[in-house]
């Protein structure tokens, strides 16, 4: 009852994929890499999820109704952190070193601020602050991420004193928010990377000649989220991402205060948002 996607099969090779499907290398019982609940490859449909770093790869398992079988790209540090998170007190049971890829893996793609059409976290020493919470819309709680820089963000190549954070995002498909009670539309090519139940990155479309999504924001360490946030995200496979200029939202200790800050920013015309699917788990 194991699902091995074409992408995973291409990475691990046909022979290894067949051994997995035959049950030779399948774990039997496992903890779902998405919802963290127990699973059993002999009793329920299970997805193979291959986490790939620059040098290593780890094969994990998830309920098929949580996420499909897929390949998830991580930095080497993120991959090590994810593996530690799987089993902090011992070797992971549901993750195993993956076979070497069938083709040499190219080095990780680096994107400089000048090559990107969006603000990056190394411009003007500004950092993108991220807050996770749930937003009530149409009587349903939606997982949300609020992004706010610590300072003004300039357009790449510009030396001016202005803050182009919102205009740059609007150019990429984010829409101004006038009413928080209305869900934002999805922006093509963007996604939220939730790996091993923790928030790792917000991914943007490939830049330049690249073909793989790149991290617009990436956590220095995997960011823990509440069980309610993770459950809502994996159930709906969608996260609402709000963005506002520096000083518009602030660090709010409670979700009701975060909602008030969002509504105030929307009323002031300084809030944009987009819905994004989950990438990975």
C-alpha atoms as a PDB file:
ATOM      1  CA  UNK A   1       0.000   0.000   0.000  1.00  0.00           C
ATOM      2  CA  UNK A   2       3.011   2.218  -0.613  1.00  0.00           C
ATOM      3  CA  UNK A   3       2.976   5.099  -3.102  1.00  0.00           C
ATOM      4  CA  UNK A   4       6.251   5.955  -4.842  1.00  0.00           C
ATOM      5  CA  UNK A   5       5.914   8.958  -7.145  1.00  0.00           C
ATOM      6  CA  UNK A   6       7.801   9.275 -10.420  1.00  0.00           C
ATOM      7  CA  UNK A   7       9.921  12.039  -8.864  1.00  0.00           C
ATOM      8  CA  UNK A   8      10.947   9.828  -5.936  1.00  0.00           C
ATOM      9  CA  UNK A   9      11.505   6.877  -8.261  1.00  0.00           C
ATOM     10  CA  UNK A  10      13.811   8.981 -10.460  1.00  0.00           C
ATOM     11  CA  UNK A  11      15.897   9.946  -7.436  1.00  0.00           C
ATOM     12  CA  UNK A  12      16.284   6.559  -5.758  1.00  0.00           C
ATOM     13  CA  UNK A  13      16.315   4.399  -8.874  1.00  0.00           C
ATOM     14  CA  UNK A  14      14.020   1.745 -10.273  1.00  0.00           C
ATOM     15  CA  UNK A  15      15.523  -1.149  -8.311  1.00  0.00           C
ATOM     16  CA  UNK A  16      15.192   0.583  -4.942  1.00  0.00           C
ATOM     17  CA  UNK A  17      11.647   1.676  -5.764  1.00  0.00           C
ATOM     18  CA  UNK A  18      10.672  -1.898  -6.544  1.00  0.00           C
ATOM     19  CA  UNK A  19      12.201  -3.108  -3.268  1.00  0.00           C
ATOM     20  CA  UNK A  20      10.126  -0.523  -1.402  1.00  0.00           C
ATOM     21  CA  UNK A  21       6.941  -1.571  -3.183  1.00  0.00           C
ATOM     22  CA  UNK A  22       7.714  -5.208  -2.440  1.00  0.00           C
ATOM     23  CA  UNK A  23       7.994  -4.346   1.268  1.00  0.00           C
ATOM     24  CA  UNK A  24      11.682  -5.186   1.583  1.00  0.00           C
ATOM     25  CA  UNK A  25      12.715  -1.714   2.784  1.00  0.00           C
ATOM     26  CA  UNK A  26       9.365  -0.377   3.992  1.00  0.00           C
ATOM     27  CA  UNK A  27       9.235   0.318   7.745  1.00  0.00           C
ATOM     28  CA  UNK A  28       5.862  -1.253   8.578  1.00  0.00           C
ATOM     29  CA  UNK A  29       4.821   1.136  11.337  1.00  0.00           C
ATOM     30  CA  UNK A  30       5.912   4.778  11.211  1.00  0.00           C
ATOM     31  CA  UNK A  31       5.086   8.252  12.471  1.00  0.00           C
ATOM     32  CA  UNK A  32       3.610  10.368   9.668  1.00  0.00           C
ATOM     33  CA  UNK A  33       6.109  13.054   8.686  1.00  0.00           C
ATOM     34  CA  UNK A  34       3.204  15.467   8.222  1.00  0.00           C
ATOM     35  CA  UNK A  35       0.687  15.005  11.045  1.00  0.00           C
ATOM     36  CA  UNK A  36       3.048  12.978  13.307  1.00  0.00           C
ATOM     37  CA  UNK A  37       0.314  10.391  14.008  1.00  0.00           C
ATOM     38  CA  UNK A  38       1.187   6.666  13.754  1.00  0.00           C
ATOM     39  CA  UNK A  39       0.791   4.894  10.437  1.00  0.00           C
ATOM     40  CA  UNK A  40       1.204   1.391   9.055  1.00  0.00           C
ATOM     41  CA  UNK A  41       2.344   0.637   5.504  1.00  0.00           C
ATOM     42  CA  UNK A  42       0.573  -2.728   5.656  1.00  0.00           C
ATOM     43  CA  UNK A  43      -2.848  -1.323   6.596  1.00  0.00           C
ATOM     44  CA  UNK A  44      -3.188   2.115   4.945  1.00  0.00           C
ATOM     45  CA  UNK A  45      -1.989   3.908   1.864  1.00  0.00           C
ATOM     46  CA  UNK A  46       1.364   5.523   2.600  1.00  0.00           C
ATOM     47  CA  UNK A  47       3.378   8.120   0.679  1.00  0.00           C
ATOM     48  CA  UNK A  48       7.144   7.996   0.342  1.00  0.00           C
ATOM     49  CA  UNK A  49       8.641  11.460   0.882  1.00  0.00           C
ATOM     50  CA  UNK A  50      12.268  11.999  -0.088  1.00  0.00           C
ATOM     51  CA  UNK A  51      13.975  14.923   1.669  1.00  0.00           C
ATOM     52  CA  UNK A  52      17.007  15.957  -0.368  1.00  0.00           C
ATOM     53  CA  UNK A  53      19.907  18.145   0.760  1.00  0.00           C
ATOM     54  CA  UNK A  54      22.993  19.272  -1.108  1.00  0.00           C
ATOM     55  CA  UNK A  55      24.906  16.099  -0.204  1.00  0.00           C
ATOM     56  CA  UNK A  56      22.518  13.690   1.499  1.00  0.00           C
ATOM     57  CA  UNK A  57      18.941  12.480   1.275  1.00  0.00           C
ATOM     58  CA  UNK A  58      16.497  10.951   3.758  1.00  0.00           C
ATOM     59  CA  UNK A  59      13.467   8.857   2.927  1.00  0.00           C
ATOM     60  CA  UNK A  60      10.436   9.335   5.200  1.00  0.00           C
ATOM     61  CA  UNK A  61       6.815   8.190   5.170  1.00  0.00           C
ATOM     62  CA  UNK A  62       3.437   9.891   5.505  1.00  0.00           C
ATOM     63  CA  UNK A  63      -0.257   9.066   5.339  1.00  0.00           C
ATOM     64  CA  UNK A  64      -1.327   9.306   1.714  1.00  0.00           C
ATOM     65  CA  UNK A  65      -4.338  11.398   2.746  1.00  0.00           C
ATOM     66  CA  UNK A  66      -1.960  13.924   4.381  1.00  0.00           C
ATOM     67  CA  UNK A  67       0.411  14.486   1.458  1.00  0.00           C
ATOM     68  CA  UNK A  68       1.311  12.772  -1.816  1.00  0.00           C
ATOM     69  CA  UNK A  69       4.603  11.044  -2.521  1.00  0.00           C
ATOM     70  CA  UNK A  70       7.134  13.688  -3.548  1.00  0.00           C
ATOM     71  CA  UNK A  71      10.681  15.045  -3.382  1.00  0.00           C
ATOM     72  CA  UNK A  72      11.318  17.950  -0.978  1.00  0.00           C
ATOM     73  CA  UNK A  73      14.510  19.981  -1.355  1.00  0.00           C
ATOM     74  CA  UNK A  74      16.127  21.306   1.837  1.00  0.00           C
ATOM     75  CA  UNK A  75      19.424  22.869   2.748  1.00  0.00           C
ATOM     76  CA  UNK A  76      21.877  20.467   4.365  1.00  0.00           C
ATOM     77  CA  UNK A  77      21.353  22.117   7.771  1.00  0.00           C
ATOM     78  CA  UNK A  78      17.580  21.928   7.415  1.00  0.00           C
ATOM     79  CA  UNK A  79      17.828  18.260   6.520  1.00  0.00           C
ATOM     80  CA  UNK A  80      19.977  17.512   9.573  1.00  0.00           C
ATOM     81  CA  UNK A  81      17.568  19.444  11.778  1.00  0.00           C
ATOM     82  CA  UNK A  82      14.605  17.593  10.328  1.00  0.00           C
ATOM     83  CA  UNK A  83      16.218  14.235  11.006  1.00  0.00           C
ATOM     84  CA  UNK A  84      16.989  15.260  14.591  1.00  0.00           C
ATOM     85  CA  UNK A  85      13.363  16.269  14.977  1.00  0.00           C
ATOM     86  CA  UNK A  86      12.204  12.846  13.857  1.00  0.00           C
ATOM     87  CA  UNK A  87      13.805  11.085  16.803  1.00  0.00           C
ATOM     88  CA  UNK A  88      15.544  13.379  19.304  1.00  0.00           C
ATOM     89  CA  UNK A  89      16.239  10.518  21.706  1.00  0.00           C
ATOM     90  CA  UNK A  90      17.522   7.976  19.246  1.00  0.00           C
ATOM     91  CA  UNK A  91      17.902   6.969  15.621  1.00  0.00           C
ATOM     92  CA  UNK A  92      14.847   7.687  13.474  1.00  0.00           C
ATOM     93  CA  UNK A  93      12.605   4.728  12.794  1.00  0.00           C
ATOM     94  CA  UNK A  94      10.576   6.074   9.894  1.00  0.00           C
ATOM     95  CA  UNK A  95      13.419   7.847   8.092  1.00  0.00           C
ATOM     96  CA  UNK A  96      16.325   6.152   6.456  1.00  0.00           C
ATOM     97  CA  UNK A  97      19.285   7.267   4.338  1.00  0.00           C
ATOM     98  CA  UNK A  98      18.154   7.232   0.748  1.00  0.00           C
ATOM     99  CA  UNK A  99      20.150   5.512  -1.982  1.00  0.00           C
ATOM    100  CA  UNK A 100      22.442   7.713  -4.017  1.00  0.00           C
ATOM    101  CA  UNK A 101      20.589   9.598  -6.749  1.00  0.00           C
ATOM    102  CA  UNK A 102      20.848   8.068 -10.210  1.00  0.00           C
ATOM    103  CA  UNK A 103      22.322  11.271 -11.644  1.00  0.00           C
ATOM    104  CA  UNK A 104      24.886  13.601 -10.032  1.00  0.00           C
ATOM    105  CA  UNK A 105      23.185  16.283  -7.975  1.00  0.00           C
ATOM    106  CA  UNK A 106      24.096  19.842  -9.035  1.00  0.00           C
ATOM    107  CA  UNK A 107      25.238  22.288  -6.375  1.00  0.00           C
ATOM    108  CA  UNK A 108      22.549  24.278  -4.595  1.00  0.00           C
ATOM    109  CA  UNK A 109      21.478  27.304  -6.597  1.00  0.00           C
ATOM    110  CA  UNK A 110      22.413  30.641  -5.070  1.00  0.00           C
ATOM    111  CA  UNK A 111      20.447  33.765  -5.883  1.00  0.00           C
ATOM    112  CA  UNK A 112      21.870  37.205  -5.249  1.00  0.00           C
ATOM    113  CA  UNK A 113      19.646  40.206  -4.442  1.00  0.00           C
ATOM    114  CA  UNK A 114      20.548  41.747  -7.794  1.00  0.00           C
ATOM    115  CA  UNK A 115      19.296  38.687  -9.662  1.00  0.00           C
ATOM    116  CA  UNK A 116      15.952  38.616  -7.882  1.00  0.00           C
ATOM    117  CA  UNK A 117      12.871  40.692  -8.568  1.00  0.00           C
ATOM    118  CA  UNK A 118      11.897  40.512  -4.917  1.00  0.00           C
ATOM    119  CA  UNK A 119      13.331  41.810  -1.654  1.00  0.00           C
ATOM    120  CA  UNK A 120      15.750  39.449  -0.003  1.00  0.00           C
ATOM    121  CA  UNK A 121      16.673  39.358   3.650  1.00  0.00           C
ATOM    122  CA  UNK A 122      20.227  40.595   3.092  1.00  0.00           C
ATOM    123  CA  UNK A 123      19.287  43.990   1.647  1.00  0.00           C
ATOM    124  CA  UNK A 124      19.967  46.971   3.915  1.00  0.00           C
ATOM    125  CA  UNK A 125      20.542  44.504   6.758  1.00  0.00           C
ATOM    126  CA  UNK A 126      16.767  44.102   7.083  1.00  0.00           C
ATOM    127  CA  UNK A 127      15.407  40.752   8.258  1.00  0.00           C
ATOM    128  CA  UNK A 128      12.009  39.291   7.465  1.00  0.00           C
ATOM    129  CA  UNK A 129      10.245  38.586  10.754  1.00  0.00           C
ATOM    130  CA  UNK A 130       7.673  35.778  10.688  1.00  0.00           C
ATOM    131  CA  UNK A 131       4.714  35.160  13.000  1.00  0.00           C
ATOM    132  CA  UNK A 132       2.400  32.152  12.748  1.00  0.00           C
ATOM    133  CA  UNK A 133      -1.210  32.177  13.878  1.00  0.00           C
ATOM    134  CA  UNK A 134      -4.722  31.230  12.852  1.00  0.00           C
ATOM    135  CA  UNK A 135      -7.171  33.686  11.300  1.00  0.00           C
ATOM    136  CA  UNK A 136     -10.936  33.263  11.539  1.00  0.00           C
ATOM    137  CA  UNK A 137     -12.618  33.621   8.133  1.00  0.00           C
ATOM    138  CA  UNK A 138     -16.171  32.487   7.372  1.00  0.00           C
ATOM    139  CA  UNK A 139     -16.345  30.812  10.796  1.00  0.00           C
ATOM    140  CA  UNK A 140     -13.320  28.638   9.959  1.00  0.00           C
ATOM    141  CA  UNK A 141      -9.793  28.929  11.335  1.00  0.00           C
ATOM    142  CA  UNK A 142      -7.141  29.259   8.626  1.00  0.00           C
ATOM    143  CA  UNK A 143      -3.383  28.828   9.217  1.00  0.00           C
ATOM    144  CA  UNK A 144      -1.616  32.107   8.527  1.00  0.00           C
ATOM    145  CA  UNK A 145       1.909  33.499   8.356  1.00  0.00           C
ATOM    146  CA  UNK A 146       2.536  37.202   8.861  1.00  0.00           C
ATOM    147  CA  UNK A 147       5.758  38.580   7.356  1.00  0.00           C
ATOM    148  CA  UNK A 148       7.124  41.958   8.446  1.00  0.00           C
ATOM    149  CA  UNK A 149      10.653  43.262   7.782  1.00  0.00           C
ATOM    150  CA  UNK A 150      12.666  44.847  10.559  1.00  0.00           C
ATOM    151  CA  UNK A 151      13.387  47.838   8.323  1.00  0.00           C
ATOM    152  CA  UNK A 152      12.692  49.349   4.883  1.00  0.00           C
ATOM    153  CA  UNK A 153      13.283  47.120   1.859  1.00  0.00           C
ATOM    154  CA  UNK A 154      14.676  48.734  -1.291  1.00  0.00           C
ATOM    155  CA  UNK A 155      14.089  47.571  -4.822  1.00  0.00           C
ATOM    156  CA  UNK A 156      17.120  45.595  -6.082  1.00  0.00           C
ATOM    157  CA  UNK A 157      19.623  47.985  -7.615  1.00  0.00           C
ATOM    158  CA  UNK A 158      18.053  51.027  -5.977  1.00  0.00           C
ATOM    159  CA  UNK A 159      19.900  53.346  -3.607  1.00  0.00           C
ATOM    160  CA  UNK A 160      16.856  55.412  -2.716  1.00  0.00           C
ATOM    161  CA  UNK A 161      15.464  55.807   0.799  1.00  0.00           C
ATOM    162  CA  UNK A 162      12.010  54.457  -0.029  1.00  0.00           C
ATOM    163  CA  UNK A 163      10.384  51.210   1.098  1.00  0.00           C
ATOM    164  CA  UNK A 164       9.438  49.020  -1.886  1.00  0.00           C
ATOM    165  CA  UNK A 165       8.437  45.941   0.107  1.00  0.00           C
ATOM    166  CA  UNK A 166       4.745  45.974  -0.795  1.00  0.00           C
ATOM    167  CA  UNK A 167       5.101  47.142  -4.435  1.00  0.00           C
ATOM    168  CA  UNK A 168       7.553  44.329  -5.124  1.00  0.00           C
ATOM    169  CA  UNK A 169       5.172  41.746  -3.673  1.00  0.00           C
ATOM    170  CA  UNK A 170       2.215  43.168  -5.588  1.00  0.00           C
ATOM    171  CA  UNK A 171       4.235  42.808  -8.788  1.00  0.00           C
ATOM    172  CA  UNK A 172       4.521  39.097  -7.967  1.00  0.00           C
ATOM    173  CA  UNK A 173       0.778  38.605  -7.525  1.00  0.00           C
ATOM    174  CA  UNK A 174       0.122  39.492  -3.892  1.00  0.00           C
ATOM    175  CA  UNK A 175      -3.044  41.567  -3.565  1.00  0.00           C
ATOM    176  CA  UNK A 176      -3.844  44.467  -1.227  1.00  0.00           C
ATOM    177  CA  UNK A 177      -6.086  43.499   1.678  1.00  0.00           C
ATOM    178  CA  UNK A 178      -8.965  45.812   2.494  1.00  0.00           C
ATOM    179  CA  UNK A 179     -10.903  43.323   4.632  1.00  0.00           C
ATOM    180  CA  UNK A 180      -9.247  40.541   6.633  1.00  0.00           C
ATOM    181  CA  UNK A 181     -12.552  38.647   6.698  1.00  0.00           C
ATOM    182  CA  UNK A 182     -12.096  37.882   2.977  1.00  0.00           C
ATOM    183  CA  UNK A 183      -9.615  35.096   2.114  1.00  0.00           C
ATOM    184  CA  UNK A 184      -6.799  36.118  -0.264  1.00  0.00           C
ATOM    185  CA  UNK A 185      -6.356  34.588  -3.696  1.00  0.00           C
ATOM    186  CA  UNK A 186      -3.602  32.095  -4.442  1.00  0.00           C
ATOM    187  CA  UNK A 187      -0.396  33.444  -5.986  1.00  0.00           C
ATOM    188  CA  UNK A 188       1.152  31.179  -8.669  1.00  0.00           C
ATOM    189  CA  UNK A 189       4.529  29.603  -8.039  1.00  0.00           C
ATOM    190  CA  UNK A 190       4.744  30.370  -4.310  1.00  0.00           C
ATOM    191  CA  UNK A 191       4.444  27.786  -1.548  1.00  0.00           C
ATOM    192  CA  UNK A 192       5.084  27.189   2.143  1.00  0.00           C
ATOM    193  CA  UNK A 193       7.553  24.477   3.152  1.00  0.00           C
ATOM    194  CA  UNK A 194       6.456  22.582   6.249  1.00  0.00           C
ATOM    195  CA  UNK A 195       8.857  19.682   6.813  1.00  0.00           C
ATOM    196  CA  UNK A 196       8.679  17.177   9.658  1.00  0.00           C
ATOM    197  CA  UNK A 197       5.856  19.222  11.174  1.00  0.00           C
ATOM    198  CA  UNK A 198       7.938  22.430  11.405  1.00  0.00           C
ATOM    199  CA  UNK A 199       8.028  25.582   9.280  1.00  0.00           C
ATOM    200  CA  UNK A 200      11.182  25.790   7.170  1.00  0.00           C
ATOM    201  CA  UNK A 201      10.667  28.345   4.408  1.00  0.00           C
ATOM    202  CA  UNK A 202       8.460  30.373   2.127  1.00  0.00           C
ATOM    203  CA  UNK A 203       9.372  29.435  -1.428  1.00  0.00           C
ATOM    204  CA  UNK A 204       9.165  31.743  -4.443  1.00  0.00           C
ATOM    205  CA  UNK A 205       9.227  30.866  -8.165  1.00  0.00           C
ATOM    206  CA  UNK A 206      12.563  30.077  -9.830  1.00  0.00           C
ATOM    207  CA  UNK A 207      14.703  33.070 -10.744  1.00  0.00           C
ATOM    208  CA  UNK A 208      16.922  33.562 -13.756  1.00  0.00           C
ATOM    209  CA  UNK A 209      17.545  30.270 -15.551  1.00  0.00           C
ATOM    210  CA  UNK A 210      16.703  28.126 -12.522  1.00  0.00           C
ATOM    211  CA  UNK A 211      13.974  25.483 -12.564  1.00  0.00           C
ATOM    212  CA  UNK A 212      13.534  24.874  -8.832  1.00  0.00           C
ATOM    213  CA  UNK A 213      11.745  27.164  -6.358  1.00  0.00           C
ATOM    214  CA  UNK A 214      14.061  29.188  -4.147  1.00  0.00           C
ATOM    215  CA  UNK A 215      13.640  30.325  -0.568  1.00  0.00           C
ATOM    216  CA  UNK A 216      12.354  33.886  -0.250  1.00  0.00           C
ATOM    217  CA  UNK A 217      12.341  33.503   3.539  1.00  0.00           C
ATOM    218  CA  UNK A 218      14.163  30.634   5.257  1.00  0.00           C
ATOM    219  CA  UNK A 219      14.248  29.869   8.970  1.00  0.00           C
ATOM    220  CA  UNK A 220      17.679  29.819  10.587  1.00  0.00           C
ATOM    221  CA  UNK A 221      16.291  26.907  12.610  1.00  0.00           C
ATOM    222  CA  UNK A 222      13.049  25.043  11.859  1.00  0.00           C
ATOM    223  CA  UNK A 223      10.207  27.030  13.379  1.00  0.00           C
ATOM    224  CA  UNK A 224       7.818  25.130  15.644  1.00  0.00           C
ATOM    225  CA  UNK A 225       4.105  25.690  15.034  1.00  0.00           C
ATOM    226  CA  UNK A 226       1.133  24.807  17.195  1.00  0.00           C
ATOM    227  CA  UNK A 227      -0.651  21.515  16.694  1.00  0.00           C
ATOM    228  CA  UNK A 228      -3.801  23.399  15.652  1.00  0.00           C
ATOM    229  CA  UNK A 229      -1.885  25.395  13.039  1.00  0.00           C
ATOM    230  CA  UNK A 230      -0.195  22.287  11.645  1.00  0.00           C
ATOM    231  CA  UNK A 231      -3.445  20.309  11.588  1.00  0.00           C
ATOM    232  CA  UNK A 232      -5.280  23.079   9.733  1.00  0.00           C
ATOM    233  CA  UNK A 233      -2.434  23.463   7.232  1.00  0.00           C
ATOM    234  CA  UNK A 234      -2.136  19.759   6.430  1.00  0.00           C
ATOM    235  CA  UNK A 235      -5.904  19.339   6.252  1.00  0.00           C
ATOM    236  CA  UNK A 236      -6.507  22.234   3.882  1.00  0.00           C
ATOM    237  CA  UNK A 237      -3.080  22.058   2.156  1.00  0.00           C
ATOM    238  CA  UNK A 238      -3.087  25.871   2.130  1.00  0.00           C
ATOM    239  CA  UNK A 239      -1.583  28.698   4.185  1.00  0.00           C
ATOM    240  CA  UNK A 240      -2.542  32.389   4.097  1.00  0.00           C
ATOM    241  CA  UNK A 241       0.527  34.630   3.937  1.00  0.00           C
ATOM    242  CA  UNK A 242       0.151  38.292   4.934  1.00  0.00           C
ATOM    243  CA  UNK A 243       2.874  40.917   4.517  1.00  0.00           C
ATOM    244  CA  UNK A 244       3.187  44.461   5.830  1.00  0.00           C
ATOM    245  CA  UNK A 245       5.980  47.090   5.969  1.00  0.00           C
ATOM    246  CA  UNK A 246       8.234  47.464   8.983  1.00  0.00           C
ATOM    247  CA  UNK A 247       6.403  48.701  12.063  1.00  0.00           C
ATOM    248  CA  UNK A 248       2.915  47.853  10.832  1.00  0.00           C
ATOM    249  CA  UNK A 249       2.180  44.674  12.800  1.00  0.00           C
ATOM    250  CA  UNK A 250       4.746  44.112  15.531  1.00  0.00           C
ATOM    251  CA  UNK A 251       5.212  41.005  17.656  1.00  0.00           C
ATOM    252  CA  UNK A 252       1.770  40.155  18.999  1.00  0.00           C
ATOM    253  CA  UNK A 253       1.601  37.645  21.888  1.00  0.00           C
ATOM    254  CA  UNK A 254      -1.964  36.458  21.145  1.00  0.00           C
ATOM    255  CA  UNK A 255      -3.926  35.592  18.019  1.00  0.00           C
ATOM    256  CA  UNK A 256      -6.698  38.082  18.842  1.00  0.00           C
ATOM    257  CA  UNK A 257      -4.120  40.875  19.056  1.00  0.00           C
ATOM    258  CA  UNK A 258      -2.558  39.689  15.817  1.00  0.00           C
ATOM    259  CA  UNK A 259      -5.971  39.860  14.153  1.00  0.00           C
ATOM    260  CA  UNK A 260      -6.469  43.405  15.430  1.00  0.00           C
ATOM    261  CA  UNK A 261      -3.065  44.417  14.062  1.00  0.00           C
ATOM    262  CA  UNK A 262      -3.891  42.887  10.677  1.00  0.00           C
ATOM    263  CA  UNK A 263      -7.206  44.722  10.524  1.00  0.00           C
ATOM    264  CA  UNK A 264      -5.510  47.997  11.454  1.00  0.00           C
ATOM    265  CA  UNK A 265      -2.883  47.489   8.717  1.00  0.00           C
ATOM    266  CA  UNK A 266      -5.599  46.647   6.187  1.00  0.00           C
ATOM    267  CA  UNK A 267      -7.561  49.769   7.118  1.00  0.00           C
ATOM    268  CA  UNK A 268      -4.373  51.788   6.646  1.00  0.00           C
ATOM    269  CA  UNK A 269      -3.736  50.320   3.190  1.00  0.00           C
ATOM    270  CA  UNK A 270      -0.442  48.675   4.150  1.00  0.00           C
ATOM    271  CA  UNK A 271      -1.339  44.971   4.037  1.00  0.00           C
ATOM    272  CA  UNK A 272      -1.032  42.507   1.159  1.00  0.00           C
ATOM    273  CA  UNK A 273      -1.698  38.776   1.145  1.00  0.00           C
ATOM    274  CA  UNK A 274      -1.732  35.591  -0.872  1.00  0.00           C
ATOM    275  CA  UNK A 275      -2.796  31.998  -0.335  1.00  0.00           C
ATOM    276  CA  UNK A 276      -0.073  29.405  -0.849  1.00  0.00           C
ATOM    277  CA  UNK A 277      -0.135  25.615  -1.040  1.00  0.00           C
ATOM    278  CA  UNK A 278       2.060  23.464   1.134  1.00  0.00           C
ATOM    279  CA  UNK A 279       5.304  22.230  -0.371  1.00  0.00           C
ATOM    280  CA  UNK A 280       6.306  18.982   1.253  1.00  0.00           C
ATOM    281  CA  UNK A 281       4.769  18.344   4.639  1.00  0.00           C
END
